Amino acid sequence: MDKQRTLSYVGNMQQLASIHSVTYDEGQAKGLGAYQVQNGSMQMTILRDKALDISELSYKGINISFLSKPGLQHKGQLSSDAGAGSIMGGFLFTAGLDNICTPAVIEGRQFPLHGHLRSIPAEHLSNRAFWDGDEYVLEVSGQMREAELFGENLLLTRKITTRFPRTSFTIEDEIENQGFRDEPCFMLYHFNFGYPFIDETCRILVPSGQVIPRDQISSNHADQWKSMGSPVSSEHEYVYTHSTGSDADGRTLVAVYNPSRKVGVSIAYDTAVLPHFLQWKTLGSGDYALGLEPANASVFGRQYHYDNDTLPMIRSQDRITSVLTVEIIEGDDEYRILKEYIENITP
């Protein structure tokens, strides 16, 4: 519907689409600030105190995101230095900017699992809701600074935008090196899917030319990367690197679809900025999840790139921009269109 017709049905657009600022008041999440965003049948929670990462995503009441056993945690309760115990999951946590994946100790400095960024609270926060023609726009933005005396000075400016009545949103990130030396800069977008959206029926779509298992356990199950199995007690995680291609615009598309619920989610991004793609699959009972992870560096993290003199760098006073689009699709017809498009991307 156009703006005029929409407003003939509702006097206040918060009936259909809204942003509400909330603060959790109990448990390990006590004090954690967030924005709850509703766009019609799609809802998400954006964490003000966790790098504007997305803890929850749902569609028509179906939970899409993964939440790990510790649940939501405020920075004051548990920081990124706590290792695996600090991984809340959520639909998106952003790894970087000092490290991704494997922890490292380099020249006496510690770089934790997936880096420090995901524990940094946002500042210069803004949230807006406004009409743009016949679309109602919901927008959240803020900045995270990763810096230290005599060290790096990296500023991430993030904007998350969704438009009613669409079932999609964009994440626009700009990383600026405000320091006066070139710096290593790691980026990994850890998108995490959980039950009931993820189950045994799911189909995983990646324009993969080559699948490289991280370890022997992953290698034993590499032929099953396109699907999920049932939960298995004490099962180890599987991690794969995929070589992916891009379309005529230099972007690629990955997706997961649940045919029993007829709902899917796709992620589009620029392969020039994020040339690596990782897949995380865990069937362990109680840890059942799927991760799709565009990145600018290897699954082996900072230590690997340091040892091989291949650290991803951002030049002094320069900027890196990344735009990712997440879209929820519904129905087998939409799935077939999406599947055909991904299969036509040349790895």
Protein backbone atom coordinates (compact mmCIF):
# COMPACT_ATOMS: atom_id res chain seq x y z
CA MET A 1 0.00 0.00 0.00
CA ASP A 2 1.09 3.60 -0.50
CA LYS A 3 1.57 6.06 2.36
CA GLN A 4 -1.87 7.67 2.11
CA ARG A 5 -3.72 4.36 2.10
CA THR A 6 -1.60 2.97 4.93
CA LEU A 7 -2.34 6.01 7.09
CA SER A 8 -6.05 5.64 6.38
CA TYR A 9 -5.90 2.36 8.35
CA VAL A 10 -3.62 3.44 11.23
CA GLY A 11 -3.22 6.66 13.18
CA ASN A 12 0.18 5.76 14.59
CA MET A 13 2.74 3.79 12.55
CA GLN A 14 4.03 2.11 15.71
CA GLN A 15 1.03 -0.18 15.24
CA LEU A 16 2.91 -1.64 12.24
CA ALA A 17 6.57 -0.66 12.50
CA SER A 18 8.55 0.74 15.41
CA ILE A 19 11.82 1.11 17.31
CA HIS A 20 11.74 0.93 21.11
CA SER A 21 14.71 1.50 23.40
CA VAL A 22 14.90 -1.07 26.23
CA THR A 23 17.27 -2.05 29.03
CA TYR A 24 17.38 -5.56 30.52
CA ASP A 25 17.06 -5.58 34.31
CA GLU A 26 17.94 -9.06 35.55
CA GLY A 27 20.43 -11.89 35.30
CA GLN A 28 23.67 -11.66 33.33
CA ALA A 29 21.96 -9.30 30.89
CA LYS A 30 21.22 -6.73 33.61
CA GLY A 31 22.02 -3.24 32.33
CA LEU A 32 22.29 -4.34 28.69
CA GLY A 33 20.77 -1.72 26.41
CA ALA A 34 19.02 -2.60 23.17
CA TYR A 35 16.63 -1.47 20.45
CA GLN A 36 13.64 -3.66 19.69
CA VAL A 37 12.73 -3.18 16.05
CA GLN A 38 9.42 -4.33 14.60
CA ASN A 39 8.84 -4.22 10.86
CA GLY A 40 5.46 -5.84 10.35
CA SER A 41 5.95 -9.60 10.63
CA MET A 42 9.74 -9.29 11.07
CA GLN A 43 11.25 -8.43 14.46
CA MET A 44 14.84 -7.99 15.62
CA THR A 45 16.75 -6.81 18.67
CA ILE A 46 19.85 -4.63 18.17
CA LEU A 47 22.24 -4.40 21.12
CA ARG A 48 23.41 -0.87 21.95
CA ASP A 49 26.04 -2.19 24.37
CA LYS A 50 27.35 -4.90 22.02
CA ALA A 51 28.56 -3.16 18.86
CA LEU A 52 24.99 -2.83 17.50
CA ASP A 53 24.99 -6.57 16.90
CA ILE A 54 21.66 -8.35 16.41
CA SER A 55 20.73 -10.73 19.22
CA GLU A 56 17.30 -11.84 18.00
CA LEU A 57 15.58 -12.17 14.64
CA SER A 58 12.14 -13.67 14.06
CA TYR A 59 9.57 -13.81 11.28
CA LYS A 60 5.84 -14.45 11.80
CA GLY A 61 6.65 -15.75 15.26
CA ILE A 62 9.31 -18.19 14.02
CA ASN A 63 12.63 -17.73 15.80
CA ILE A 64 15.48 -17.60 13.28
CA SER A 65 18.47 -16.78 15.49
CA PHE A 66 20.70 -18.91 17.73
CA LEU A 67 21.18 -18.17 21.45
CA SER A 68 23.95 -20.06 23.23
CA LYS A 69 23.58 -21.64 26.68
CA PRO A 70 24.89 -18.63 28.68
CA GLY A 71 22.20 -16.42 27.13
CA LEU A 72 22.37 -12.65 26.90
CA GLN A 73 25.24 -11.09 28.85
CA HIS A 74 26.14 -7.50 29.57
CA LYS A 75 29.74 -6.35 29.13
CA GLY A 76 29.99 -5.79 32.86
CA GLN A 77 29.10 -9.44 33.47
CA LEU A 78 31.35 -11.14 30.92
CA SER A 79 33.78 -9.66 28.39
CA SER A 80 35.25 -10.97 25.14
CA ASP A 81 38.34 -12.13 27.08
CA ALA A 82 36.27 -14.95 28.63
CA GLY A 83 36.69 -17.13 25.52
CA ALA A 84 33.92 -19.49 24.40
CA GLY A 85 31.89 -18.61 27.50
CA SER A 86 31.46 -15.11 26.10
CA ILE A 87 29.83 -16.30 22.86
CA MET A 88 26.16 -15.41 23.26
CA GLY A 89 25.42 -16.27 19.67
CA GLY A 90 22.60 -14.07 18.50
CA PHE A 91 21.64 -13.66 14.86
CA LEU A 92 24.78 -11.59 14.29
CA PHE A 93 27.90 -10.94 16.27
CA THR A 94 30.71 -9.09 14.56
CA ALA A 95 34.22 -10.45 15.03
CA GLY A 96 37.22 -8.11 14.79
CA LEU A 97 38.71 -5.65 14.54
CA ASP A 98 41.94 -6.91 16.12
CA ASN A 99 41.26 -10.62 15.50
CA ILE A 100 38.82 -13.22 14.23
CA CYS A 101 38.46 -16.90 15.11
CA THR A 102 41.44 -18.49 16.88
CA PRO A 103 42.89 -16.67 19.95
CA ALA A 104 46.50 -15.54 19.60
CA VAL A 105 49.40 -14.10 21.58
CA ILE A 106 51.71 -12.04 19.38
CA GLU A 107 54.73 -10.11 20.68
CA GLY A 108 53.31 -10.37 24.20
CA ARG A 109 49.86 -9.00 23.30
CA GLN A 110 46.75 -11.16 23.67
CA PHE A 111 44.11 -11.29 20.95
CA PRO A 112 40.97 -13.07 22.21
CA LEU A 113 38.61 -15.43 20.41
CA HIS A 114 36.89 -13.38 17.68
CA GLY A 115 38.42 -10.12 18.94
CA HIS A 116 37.20 -7.29 21.16
CA LEU A 117 34.70 -5.50 18.92
CA ARG A 118 31.63 -7.50 19.97
CA SER A 119 32.04 -6.25 23.57
CA ILE A 120 32.33 -2.54 22.74
CA PRO A 121 29.27 -0.39 23.52
CA ALA A 122 28.07 1.95 20.78
CA GLU A 123 28.18 5.73 21.17
CA HIS A 124 26.72 8.63 19.19
CA LEU A 125 23.59 6.52 18.95
CA SER A 126 20.66 7.43 16.77
CA ASN A 127 17.35 5.80 15.88
CA ARG A 128 14.88 7.21 13.40
CA ALA A 129 11.53 6.28 11.87
CA PHE A 130 10.39 8.30 8.85
CA TRP A 131 8.58 8.13 5.52
CA ASP A 132 10.60 7.92 2.31
CA GLY A 133 8.00 8.12 -0.43
CA ASP A 134 5.61 5.22 0.14
CA GLU A 135 8.01 3.29 2.37
CA TYR A 136 8.36 3.70 6.11
CA VAL A 137 12.04 3.57 7.13
CA LEU A 138 13.41 2.31 10.45
CA GLU A 139 17.07 3.18 11.03
CA VAL A 140 19.53 2.57 13.88
CA SER A 141 23.11 3.87 13.86
CA GLY A 142 26.09 4.34 16.14
CA GLN A 143 29.87 4.16 16.45
CA MET A 144 32.33 1.77 18.09
CA ARG A 145 35.96 2.74 18.69
CA GLU A 146 38.75 0.18 19.11
CA ALA A 147 41.79 2.07 20.32
CA GLU A 148 44.58 2.21 22.89
CA LEU A 149 47.39 4.55 23.94
CA PHE A 150 50.34 4.17 21.55
CA GLY A 151 48.26 1.70 19.56
CA GLU A 152 45.50 1.56 16.98
CA ASN A 153 42.64 4.04 16.58
CA LEU A 154 39.93 2.39 14.49
CA LEU A 155 36.37 3.74 14.33
CA LEU A 156 33.47 1.63 13.08
CA THR A 157 30.32 3.52 12.09
CA ARG A 158 27.34 1.18 11.66
CA LYS A 159 23.86 1.81 10.27
CA ILE A 160 21.11 -0.83 10.17
CA THR A 161 18.10 0.01 8.00
CA THR A 162 14.82 -1.76 7.27
CA ARG A 163 11.81 -0.54 5.29
CA PHE A 164 8.15 -1.37 5.94
CA PRO A 165 6.64 -3.50 4.51
CA ARG A 166 9.78 -5.27 3.22
CA THR A 167 11.21 -8.35 4.94
CA SER A 168 14.84 -7.33 4.56
CA PHE A 169 17.43 -5.07 6.16
CA THR A 170 20.88 -3.71 5.36
CA ILE A 171 23.97 -3.43 7.55
CA GLU A 172 26.24 -0.60 6.40
CA ASP A 173 29.66 -0.48 8.08
CA GLU A 174 32.43 2.03 7.58
CA ILE A 175 35.76 1.42 9.31
CA GLU A 176 38.06 4.44 9.47
CA ASN A 177 41.69 4.34 10.55
CA GLN A 178 41.99 7.60 12.45
CA GLY A 179 45.55 6.77 13.47
CA PHE A 180 48.78 7.77 11.77
CA ARG A 181 50.07 4.33 10.85
CA ASP A 182 48.70 1.46 8.83
CA GLU A 183 46.93 -1.12 11.01
CA PRO A 184 45.77 -4.74 10.77
CA CYS A 185 41.99 -4.81 10.41
CA PHE A 186 39.94 -8.01 10.69
CA MET A 187 36.24 -8.34 9.83
CA LEU A 188 33.95 -11.34 10.17
CA TYR A 189 30.15 -11.27 10.19
CA HIS A 190 29.04 -14.27 12.26
CA PHE A 191 25.39 -14.86 11.20
CA ASN A 192 23.90 -17.58 13.41
CA PHE A 193 20.73 -19.58 12.76
CA GLY A 194 18.93 -21.69 15.34
CA TYR A 195 15.88 -23.85 16.01
CA PRO A 196 13.04 -23.92 15.05
CA PHE A 197 14.13 -22.26 11.80
CA ILE A 198 17.10 -24.64 11.65
CA ASP A 199 16.24 -28.34 11.71
CA GLU A 200 16.95 -31.58 9.82
CA THR A 201 15.08 -30.42 6.69
CA CYS A 202 17.18 -27.30 6.03
CA ARG A 203 19.03 -26.72 2.77
CA ILE A 204 22.20 -24.62 2.73
CA LEU A 205 23.00 -22.67 -0.46
CA VAL A 206 26.53 -21.41 -1.14
CA PRO A 207 28.06 -20.80 -4.61
CA SER A 208 31.01 -22.94 -3.56
CA GLY A 209 33.79 -23.93 -5.93
CA GLN A 210 35.85 -25.66 -3.25
CA VAL A 211 35.16 -26.78 0.32
CA ILE A 212 38.16 -26.79 2.67
CA PRO A 213 37.59 -28.38 6.11
CA ARG A 214 39.33 -26.71 9.03
CA ASP A 215 40.35 -29.97 10.69
CA GLN A 216 40.03 -33.75 10.42
CA ILE A 217 36.71 -33.89 12.28
CA SER A 218 35.23 -31.41 9.82
CA SER A 219 36.77 -33.33 6.92
CA ASN A 220 34.94 -36.49 7.99
CA HIS A 221 31.61 -34.73 7.38
CA ALA A 222 32.53 -32.43 4.47
CA ASP A 223 30.15 -34.16 2.06
CA GLN A 224 27.22 -33.11 4.29
CA TRP A 225 27.86 -29.35 4.34
CA LYS A 226 24.67 -28.59 2.35
CA SER A 227 22.34 -29.94 5.03
CA MET A 228 21.78 -30.18 8.78
CA GLY A 229 21.39 -33.42 10.70
CA SER A 230 19.70 -34.22 13.99
CA PRO A 231 21.22 -33.19 17.34
CA VAL A 232 23.96 -35.54 18.54
CA SER A 233 25.17 -35.73 22.15
CA SER A 234 28.66 -34.21 22.63
CA GLU A 235 29.24 -33.81 18.88
CA HIS A 236 32.18 -31.61 17.82
CA GLU A 237 31.66 -28.50 15.69
CA TYR A 238 32.44 -28.58 11.96
CA VAL A 239 34.03 -25.58 10.21
CA TYR A 240 34.54 -25.13 6.47
CA THR A 241 36.02 -22.48 4.21
CA HIS A 242 34.32 -22.05 0.82
CA SER A 243 35.76 -20.46 -2.29
CA THR A 244 32.89 -18.41 -3.68
CA GLY A 245 32.34 -16.41 -6.83
CA SER A 246 30.44 -13.16 -7.41
CA ASP A 247 27.84 -11.81 -9.78
CA ALA A 248 28.24 -8.99 -12.31
CA ASP A 249 28.06 -6.43 -9.48
CA GLY A 250 30.88 -8.08 -7.53
CA ARG A 251 28.50 -9.42 -4.88
CA THR A 252 27.68 -12.94 -3.82
CA LEU A 253 24.71 -14.55 -2.12
CA VAL A 254 24.45 -17.31 0.47
CA ALA A 255 21.26 -18.67 1.99
CA VAL A 256 19.51 -21.29 4.09
CA TYR A 257 15.96 -22.53 3.49
CA ASN A 258 13.60 -24.60 5.61
CA PRO A 259 11.17 -26.40 3.25
CA SER A 260 8.95 -27.64 6.08
CA ARG A 261 8.31 -24.07 7.25
CA LYS A 262 8.72 -22.59 3.76
CA VAL A 263 10.92 -19.80 5.10
CA GLY A 264 14.45 -18.89 4.10
CA VAL A 265 17.10 -16.24 4.74
CA SER A 266 19.66 -14.92 2.26
CA ILE A 267 22.76 -12.78 2.85
CA ALA A 268 24.30 -10.68 0.05
CA TYR A 269 27.69 -9.00 0.35
CA ASP A 270 30.68 -7.62 -1.59
CA THR A 271 33.41 -10.22 -2.19
CA ALA A 272 36.05 -7.54 -2.85
CA VAL A 273 35.71 -6.41 0.78
CA LEU A 274 34.93 -9.86 2.23
CA PRO A 275 36.78 -12.40 0.05
CA HIS A 276 36.61 -15.27 2.57
CA PHE A 277 33.50 -17.27 3.49
CA LEU A 278 33.29 -19.62 6.47
CA GLN A 279 30.59 -22.08 7.47
CA TRP A 280 30.12 -23.16 11.07
CA LYS A 281 27.92 -26.15 11.75
CA THR A 282 27.30 -27.62 15.18
CA LEU A 283 25.00 -30.57 15.77
CA GLY A 284 25.85 -30.95 19.47
CA SER A 285 22.76 -31.38 21.61
CA GLY A 286 22.05 -28.02 23.26
CA ASP A 287 24.46 -26.26 20.88
CA TYR A 288 22.52 -26.92 17.65
CA ALA A 289 23.26 -24.09 15.21
CA LEU A 290 24.45 -23.02 11.78
CA GLY A 291 26.79 -20.10 11.11
CA LEU A 292 27.27 -18.37 7.73
CA GLU A 293 30.27 -16.04 7.96
CA PRO A 294 31.56 -13.59 5.34
CA ALA A 295 35.06 -12.42 6.33
CA ASN A 296 38.17 -10.64 5.11
CA ALA A 297 40.61 -13.16 6.61
CA SER A 298 41.32 -16.84 7.21
CA VAL A 299 39.57 -19.13 9.69
CA PHE A 300 42.94 -19.43 11.46
CA GLY A 301 42.90 -15.76 12.47
CA ARG A 302 45.55 -13.23 13.25
CA GLN A 303 48.29 -15.68 14.18
CA TYR A 304 48.11 -17.36 10.77
CA HIS A 305 48.27 -14.06 8.87
CA TYR A 306 51.06 -12.74 11.11
CA ASP A 307 53.16 -15.85 10.53
CA ASN A 308 52.60 -15.65 6.76
CA ASP A 309 53.01 -11.86 6.48
CA THR A 310 49.49 -11.51 5.02
CA LEU A 311 47.74 -9.37 7.65
CA PRO A 312 44.70 -7.56 6.18
CA MET A 313 45.56 -3.87 6.56
CA ILE A 314 43.81 -0.52 6.57
CA ARG A 315 45.98 2.43 5.62
CA SER A 316 46.35 5.47 7.86
CA GLN A 317 43.39 7.87 7.48
CA ASP A 318 41.71 5.46 5.04
CA ARG A 319 38.22 3.89 5.12
CA ILE A 320 36.77 0.47 4.36
CA THR A 321 33.05 0.20 3.61
CA SER A 322 30.99 -2.97 3.77
CA VAL A 323 27.29 -3.35 2.94
CA LEU A 324 25.41 -6.58 3.67
CA THR A 325 21.76 -7.22 2.86
CA VAL A 326 19.74 -9.81 4.77
CA GLU A 327 16.40 -10.87 3.29
CA ILE A 328 13.71 -13.25 4.51
CA ILE A 329 11.93 -15.16 1.76
CA GLU A 330 8.77 -17.24 1.98
CA GLY A 331 7.46 -20.04 -0.21
CA ASP A 332 8.88 -22.68 -2.51
CA ASP A 333 8.61 -20.44 -5.58
CA GLU A 334 10.82 -17.80 -3.96
CA TYR A 335 13.23 -20.54 -2.92
CA ARG A 336 13.52 -21.86 -6.48
CA ILE A 337 14.29 -18.37 -7.80
CA LEU A 338 16.91 -17.87 -5.10
CA LYS A 339 18.45 -21.31 -5.66
CA GLU A 340 18.72 -20.75 -9.42
CA TYR A 341 20.36 -17.37 -8.88
CA ILE A 342 22.96 -18.78 -6.49
CA GLU A 343 23.70 -21.76 -8.75
CA ASN A 344 24.40 -19.33 -11.61
CA ILE A 345 27.10 -17.50 -9.63
CA THR A 346 30.39 -18.82 -10.98
CA PRO A 347 32.84 -19.82 -8.17
